[in-house]
């Protein structure tokens, strides 16, 4: 599934969406963040008492996530190369309940950062995907997608199942809510489009090892350009938090209480870390607070309160659709997090 399409179809504001090249190269953002990442890592080895906690935190996180990041990027490249985009278009365009379930599955299988996924979602809408399906896709994809699922399991173990399950449930509930809003004419109406069903899985049927390796490599590099620099940023923030922020700060301000959940929501909204970067920070919040509700709010806030996302929905789909997103999702996220803190 491509992040970008033809120039004339591409949405105007796509921060981490880049045109795919025949021979993609590592982009400037990834080079700069990789350099900073490596520099901080090297500096942490300097013999100074203030740097010892940084080094310990750095190494601990590296051991925890390197394999998940690598596996996620490769799997993302495989999906990018082999899955025809017409498959997505066909199953998301119907104004039926099953399209909501297809949207959750498509979102889970999609591999893109929360900003990059906006480009895909807007293209899906332009190609004929229904508004409820697009919103469901957005909620299911940014951090509950396959690469991030792997990353979450590396951090949280089996407890990640609660995150994934709750995210998908919220996506489904929101999708059905939008179907109701559309039926009541409280939001904009989806486009009426007839899809061409004659898509084929050519790259699987006519499998060629050399072309497949090249195609998967291009997809992996493009995905790395979208998500890896965000992950470096989130990783560095999490390492610094783990090394220098006292535990009592989290317990005082981001504790497992209603005010703590609201502060966590506000905190995540302000810093707006991409989904790949939010996973390690959420894990650090979990380490400090000891409950699942607060990291769940932090992870979901980047989706339900992201002003870039709401602005793009406003300009590409409509203001009513954009306004209803936080109205529906924020209470769902807070209630789910509160239940997590009580029962888990």
Protein backbone atom coordinates (compact mmCIF):
# COMPACT_ATOMS: atom_id res chain seq x y z
CA UNK A 1 0.00 0.00 0.00
CA UNK A 2 1.62 3.24 -1.07
CA UNK A 3 1.83 6.23 1.23
CA UNK A 4 1.75 8.56 -1.74
CA UNK A 5 0.14 8.52 -5.14
CA UNK A 6 0.21 10.71 -8.21
CA UNK A 7 1.14 14.31 -7.63
CA UNK A 8 -2.25 15.68 -8.60
CA UNK A 9 -4.02 13.39 -6.13
CA UNK A 10 -1.74 13.94 -3.16
CA UNK A 11 -3.07 15.85 -0.14
CA UNK A 12 -1.32 19.15 0.47
CA UNK A 13 -0.03 18.68 4.01
CA UNK A 14 1.72 15.39 4.66
CA UNK A 15 4.60 15.79 7.07
CA UNK A 16 6.05 12.33 6.88
CA UNK A 17 4.80 11.22 3.53
CA UNK A 18 7.39 11.25 0.79
CA UNK A 19 7.24 10.37 -2.85
CA UNK A 20 8.51 6.90 -3.45
CA UNK A 21 11.48 6.68 -5.74
CA UNK A 22 12.66 3.81 -7.86
CA UNK A 23 15.82 3.78 -5.74
CA UNK A 24 14.79 5.44 -2.46
CA UNK A 25 17.42 6.94 -0.25
CA UNK A 26 17.50 7.70 3.44
CA UNK A 27 15.94 11.13 3.85
CA UNK A 28 17.38 14.13 5.65
CA UNK A 29 15.18 13.82 8.75
CA UNK A 30 16.28 10.25 9.33
CA UNK A 31 19.95 11.14 8.78
CA UNK A 32 19.80 14.03 11.25
CA UNK A 33 17.94 12.11 13.97
CA UNK A 34 20.17 9.06 13.46
CA UNK A 35 23.22 11.28 13.91
CA UNK A 36 21.79 12.80 17.10
CA UNK A 37 20.82 9.34 18.33
CA UNK A 38 24.34 8.00 17.74
CA UNK A 39 25.94 11.10 19.27
CA UNK A 40 23.92 10.83 22.48
CA UNK A 41 24.70 7.12 22.66
CA UNK A 42 28.44 7.76 22.33
CA UNK A 43 28.35 10.64 24.83
CA UNK A 44 26.61 8.39 27.36
CA UNK A 45 29.79 6.28 27.56
CA UNK A 46 31.88 9.20 28.78
CA UNK A 47 33.19 8.74 32.28
CA UNK A 48 31.00 11.10 34.24
CA UNK A 49 28.56 10.33 37.08
CA UNK A 50 25.76 12.31 35.44
CA UNK A 51 25.98 10.18 32.31
CA UNK A 52 25.87 6.76 33.97
CA UNK A 53 22.04 6.69 34.31
CA UNK A 54 21.74 7.80 30.68
CA UNK A 55 23.97 4.98 29.49
CA UNK A 56 22.15 2.35 31.53
CA UNK A 57 18.78 3.55 30.29
CA UNK A 58 20.01 3.69 26.69
CA UNK A 59 21.39 0.15 26.64
CA UNK A 60 18.32 -1.22 28.40
CA UNK A 61 15.99 0.18 25.75
CA UNK A 62 18.18 -0.92 22.85
CA UNK A 63 18.15 -4.51 24.07
CA UNK A 64 14.40 -4.34 24.41
CA UNK A 65 13.32 -2.99 21.01
CA UNK A 66 15.96 -3.43 18.31
CA UNK A 67 14.54 -6.72 17.03
CA UNK A 68 10.95 -5.45 17.07
CA UNK A 69 11.85 -2.36 15.05
CA UNK A 70 13.76 -4.41 12.48
CA UNK A 71 11.03 -7.03 12.14
CA UNK A 72 8.32 -4.38 11.90
CA UNK A 73 10.13 -2.54 9.10
CA UNK A 74 10.66 -5.72 7.09
CA UNK A 75 7.04 -6.84 7.50
CA UNK A 76 5.92 -3.36 6.50
CA UNK A 77 8.02 -3.60 3.34
CA UNK A 78 6.46 -6.98 2.50
CA UNK A 79 2.94 -5.59 2.89
CA UNK A 80 3.85 -2.50 0.89
CA UNK A 81 5.12 -4.55 -2.07
CA UNK A 82 2.77 -7.52 -2.25
CA UNK A 83 -0.70 -6.22 -1.25
CA UNK A 84 -2.59 -4.53 -4.15
CA UNK A 85 -4.07 -1.18 -3.12
CA UNK A 86 -7.28 -2.00 -5.02
CA UNK A 87 -7.97 -4.61 -2.36
CA UNK A 88 -8.18 -1.84 0.23
CA UNK A 89 -10.28 0.40 -2.00
CA UNK A 90 -12.81 -2.33 -2.78
CA UNK A 91 -13.57 -3.32 0.79
CA UNK A 92 -13.66 0.15 2.34
CA UNK A 93 -16.03 1.80 -0.11
CA UNK A 94 -19.26 0.05 0.81
CA UNK A 95 -21.76 1.77 3.09
CA UNK A 96 -22.23 -1.40 5.08
CA UNK A 97 -21.29 -2.55 8.56
CA UNK A 98 -18.78 -5.02 7.18
CA UNK A 99 -16.76 -2.12 5.74
CA UNK A 100 -16.05 -0.99 9.31
CA UNK A 101 -14.60 -4.39 10.15
CA UNK A 102 -12.58 -4.36 6.93
CA UNK A 103 -11.28 -0.90 7.88
CA UNK A 104 -10.03 -2.18 11.25
CA UNK A 105 -8.25 -5.08 9.57
CA UNK A 106 -6.76 -2.80 6.91
CA UNK A 107 -5.62 -0.35 9.55
CA UNK A 108 -3.99 -3.11 11.56
CA UNK A 109 -2.12 -4.40 8.51
CA UNK A 110 -1.08 -0.94 7.36
CA UNK A 111 2.46 0.23 8.07
CA UNK A 112 2.86 3.97 8.40
CA UNK A 113 3.38 6.60 11.03
CA UNK A 114 0.39 8.52 12.35
CA UNK A 115 1.16 11.42 10.01
CA UNK A 116 1.93 9.20 7.04
CA UNK A 117 -1.30 7.29 7.55
CA UNK A 118 -3.20 10.54 6.98
CA UNK A 119 -1.97 10.60 3.39
CA UNK A 120 -3.23 7.06 2.85
CA UNK A 121 -6.55 7.78 4.56
CA UNK A 122 -7.18 10.89 2.47
CA UNK A 123 -6.36 8.96 -0.69
CA UNK A 124 -8.75 6.21 0.38
CA UNK A 125 -11.44 8.85 0.79
CA UNK A 126 -10.71 10.35 -2.64
CA UNK A 127 -10.81 6.88 -4.20
CA UNK A 128 -14.23 6.26 -2.69
CA UNK A 129 -13.82 4.84 0.80
CA UNK A 130 -16.75 5.81 3.01
CA UNK A 131 -16.29 8.40 5.75
CA UNK A 132 -17.00 5.91 8.60
CA UNK A 133 -14.47 3.47 7.10
CA UNK A 134 -11.82 6.21 6.75
CA UNK A 135 -12.26 7.28 10.38
CA UNK A 136 -12.13 3.66 11.56
CA UNK A 137 -9.01 3.11 9.47
CA UNK A 138 -7.34 6.16 11.02
CA UNK A 139 -8.08 5.01 14.56
CA UNK A 140 -7.01 1.40 13.99
CA UNK A 141 -3.83 2.10 12.09
CA UNK A 142 -1.43 4.64 13.61
CA UNK A 143 -0.17 2.68 16.59
CA UNK A 144 -2.25 -0.50 16.60
CA UNK A 145 -0.74 -1.52 13.28
CA UNK A 146 1.44 -4.58 12.77
CA UNK A 147 4.91 -3.06 13.28
CA UNK A 148 3.78 -1.16 16.38
CA UNK A 149 2.01 -4.26 17.70
CA UNK A 150 5.33 -6.06 17.59
CA UNK A 151 6.98 -3.12 19.31
CA UNK A 152 4.29 -3.00 22.02
CA UNK A 153 4.72 -6.70 22.73
CA UNK A 154 8.46 -6.16 23.14
CA UNK A 155 7.68 -3.49 25.76
CA UNK A 156 4.58 -4.78 27.55
CA UNK A 157 4.53 -8.52 26.84
CA UNK A 158 1.04 -10.08 26.81
CA UNK A 159 -0.41 -6.93 28.39
CA UNK A 160 -0.10 -5.37 24.94
CA UNK A 161 -3.17 -7.42 24.00
CA UNK A 162 -5.26 -5.08 26.16
CA UNK A 163 -3.93 -2.06 24.26
CA UNK A 164 -4.54 -3.58 20.85
CA UNK A 165 -7.96 -4.95 21.72
CA UNK A 166 -9.12 -1.68 23.28
CA UNK A 167 -7.82 0.38 20.33
CA UNK A 168 -9.67 -1.81 17.84
CA UNK A 169 -12.84 -1.72 19.95
CA UNK A 170 -12.72 2.10 20.05
CA UNK A 171 -12.13 2.17 16.30
CA UNK A 172 -15.15 -0.08 15.71
CA UNK A 173 -17.44 1.86 18.07
CA UNK A 174 -16.39 5.14 16.48
CA UNK A 175 -16.95 3.76 12.98
CA UNK A 176 -20.48 2.62 13.81
CA UNK A 177 -21.15 5.97 15.50
CA UNK A 178 -20.12 7.73 12.29
CA UNK A 179 -22.44 5.49 10.31
CA UNK A 180 -25.27 6.66 12.55
CA UNK A 181 -24.23 10.29 12.18
CA UNK A 182 -24.13 9.91 8.41
CA UNK A 183 -27.60 8.36 8.35
CA UNK A 184 -28.86 11.31 10.39
CA UNK A 185 -27.13 13.78 8.05
CA UNK A 186 -25.14 15.15 10.98
CA UNK A 187 -21.88 14.81 9.06
CA UNK A 188 -20.89 15.08 5.43
CA UNK A 189 -22.05 12.30 3.10
CA UNK A 190 -19.73 9.68 1.64
CA UNK A 191 -19.10 9.63 -2.08
CA UNK A 192 -20.95 7.23 -4.35
CA UNK A 193 -18.26 5.35 -6.27
CA UNK A 194 -18.23 2.15 -8.32
CA UNK A 195 -15.04 0.14 -7.86
CA UNK A 196 -13.25 -1.94 -10.44
CA UNK A 197 -13.20 -5.48 -9.00
CA UNK A 198 -10.65 -6.76 -11.51
CA UNK A 199 -7.60 -6.46 -9.30
CA UNK A 200 -4.99 -9.21 -9.24
CA UNK A 201 -2.25 -10.36 -6.91
CA UNK A 202 0.30 -10.19 -9.71
CA UNK A 203 3.35 -9.88 -7.52
CA UNK A 204 2.47 -13.10 -5.73
CA UNK A 205 1.26 -15.04 -8.79
CA UNK A 206 4.27 -13.98 -10.87
CA UNK A 207 6.74 -14.17 -8.02
CA UNK A 208 10.27 -13.15 -8.90
CA UNK A 209 12.86 -13.36 -6.15
CA UNK A 210 15.08 -10.53 -7.36
CA UNK A 211 12.18 -8.15 -7.99
CA UNK A 212 10.58 -9.09 -4.69
CA UNK A 213 13.74 -8.40 -2.71
CA UNK A 214 14.13 -5.08 -4.50
CA UNK A 215 10.46 -4.15 -3.98
CA UNK A 216 10.39 -5.15 -0.31
CA UNK A 217 13.65 -3.24 0.23
CA UNK A 218 12.16 -0.11 -1.33
CA UNK A 219 9.07 -0.45 0.84
CA UNK A 220 11.19 -0.98 3.94
CA UNK A 221 13.35 2.07 3.22
CA UNK A 222 10.33 4.24 2.51
CA UNK A 223 8.72 3.04 5.72
CA UNK A 224 11.94 3.72 7.63
CA UNK A 225 11.97 7.25 6.19
CA UNK A 226 8.46 7.76 7.52
CA UNK A 227 8.68 6.18 10.95
CA UNK A 228 12.25 5.59 12.11
CA UNK A 229 13.13 9.22 12.74
CA UNK A 230 10.05 9.53 14.94
CA UNK A 231 11.12 6.41 16.80
CA UNK A 232 14.57 7.89 17.40
CA UNK A 233 12.95 10.99 18.89
CA UNK A 234 10.61 8.98 21.12
CA UNK A 235 13.45 6.67 22.11
CA UNK A 236 15.64 9.57 23.21
CA UNK A 237 12.80 11.18 25.16
CA UNK A 238 12.03 7.88 26.90
CA UNK A 239 15.70 7.28 27.72
CA UNK A 240 16.04 10.73 29.27
CA UNK A 241 12.80 10.28 31.23
CA UNK A 242 13.98 6.91 32.49
CA UNK A 243 17.37 8.26 33.49
CA UNK A 244 16.55 11.60 35.09
CA UNK A 245 12.85 12.12 35.85
CA UNK A 246 12.07 11.09 39.45
CA UNK A 247 9.40 8.46 39.89
CA UNK A 248 7.43 10.65 42.33
CA UNK A 249 6.82 13.15 39.48
CA UNK A 250 4.81 10.57 37.58
CA UNK A 251 2.95 9.43 40.66
CA UNK A 252 2.08 13.02 41.57
CA UNK A 253 1.01 14.38 38.18
CA UNK A 254 0.36 11.37 35.92
CA UNK A 255 -1.01 9.02 38.54
CA UNK A 256 -3.81 6.45 38.05
CA UNK A 257 -6.58 8.95 38.83
CA UNK A 258 -9.07 10.89 36.71
CA UNK A 259 -7.00 14.12 36.99
CA UNK A 260 -3.89 12.07 36.20
CA UNK A 261 -5.51 10.65 33.07
CA UNK A 262 -6.57 14.14 31.95
CA UNK A 263 -3.05 15.51 32.50
CA UNK A 264 -1.63 12.55 30.57
CA UNK A 265 -4.05 13.32 27.72
CA UNK A 266 -3.04 17.00 27.70
CA UNK A 267 0.66 16.09 27.91
CA UNK A 268 0.43 13.72 24.94
CA UNK A 269 -1.61 16.21 22.91
CA UNK A 270 0.93 18.99 23.40
CA UNK A 271 4.09 17.03 22.55
CA UNK A 272 2.36 15.15 19.65
CA UNK A 273 4.92 12.38 19.28
CA UNK A 274 4.29 10.08 16.33
CA UNK A 275 2.98 6.61 17.10
CA UNK A 276 6.35 4.90 16.76
CA UNK A 277 7.91 7.44 19.10
CA UNK A 278 5.08 7.26 21.65
CA UNK A 279 5.49 3.53 22.34
CA UNK A 280 8.76 3.80 24.31
CA UNK A 281 7.49 6.88 26.20
CA UNK A 282 4.29 5.02 27.09
CA UNK A 283 6.39 2.15 28.41
CA UNK A 284 8.33 4.56 30.61
CA UNK A 285 5.06 5.97 31.97
CA UNK A 286 3.99 2.39 32.70
CA UNK A 287 7.27 1.75 34.53
CA UNK A 288 6.81 4.84 36.68
CA UNK A 289 3.05 4.68 37.34
CA UNK A 290 2.53 0.93 37.31
CA UNK A 291 -0.92 0.91 35.63
CA UNK A 292 -2.02 0.45 32.02
CA UNK A 293 -4.55 3.29 31.85
CA UNK A 294 -2.10 6.18 31.65
CA UNK A 295 0.11 4.71 28.91
CA UNK A 296 -3.06 3.79 27.00
CA UNK A 297 -4.22 7.42 27.13
CA UNK A 298 -0.78 8.56 26.00
CA UNK A 299 -0.80 6.18 23.04
CA UNK A 300 -4.34 7.02 21.94
CA UNK A 301 -4.07 10.79 22.43
CA UNK A 302 -1.90 11.12 19.35
CA UNK A 303 -4.81 9.78 17.31
CA UNK A 304 -7.92 11.24 18.93
CA UNK A 305 -6.60 14.74 19.66
CA UNK A 306 -4.01 15.20 16.89
CA UNK A 307 -4.62 18.69 15.50
CA UNK A 308 -2.87 17.80 12.23
CA UNK A 309 -5.27 14.91 11.74
CA UNK A 310 -8.35 16.94 12.70
CA UNK A 311 -7.26 19.77 10.40
CA UNK A 312 -6.79 17.45 7.43
CA UNK A 313 -10.16 15.81 8.01
CA UNK A 314 -11.69 19.30 8.23
CA UNK A 315 -10.18 20.43 4.92
CA UNK A 316 -10.49 17.17 2.96
CA UNK A 317 -13.72 15.60 4.24
CA UNK A 318 -15.57 18.28 6.18
CA UNK A 319 -15.74 20.25 9.40
CA UNK A 320 -18.60 18.21 10.87
CA UNK A 321 -16.65 14.99 10.49
CA UNK A 322 -13.60 16.61 12.09
CA UNK A 323 -15.49 18.09 15.04
CA UNK A 324 -17.15 14.79 15.93
CA UNK A 325 -13.83 12.90 16.14
CA UNK A 326 -12.68 14.12 19.59
CA UNK A 327 -16.30 14.34 20.82
CA UNK A 328 -16.73 10.59 20.29
CA UNK A 329 -13.26 9.24 20.94
CA UNK A 330 -11.91 11.19 23.92
CA UNK A 331 -14.62 9.94 26.34
CA UNK A 332 -14.13 6.37 25.06
CA UNK A 333 -10.37 6.57 25.63
CA UNK A 334 -10.71 8.05 29.14
CA UNK A 335 -13.36 5.53 30.22
CA UNK A 336 -11.25 2.63 28.90
CA UNK A 337 -8.16 3.95 30.66
CA UNK A 338 -10.08 4.38 33.92
CA UNK A 339 -11.26 0.76 33.70
CA UNK A 340 -7.70 -0.36 32.99
CA UNK A 341 -6.46 1.42 36.13
CA UNK A 342 -9.18 -0.14 38.26
CA UNK A 343 -9.17 -3.74 37.07
CA UNK A 344 -5.69 -4.40 35.59
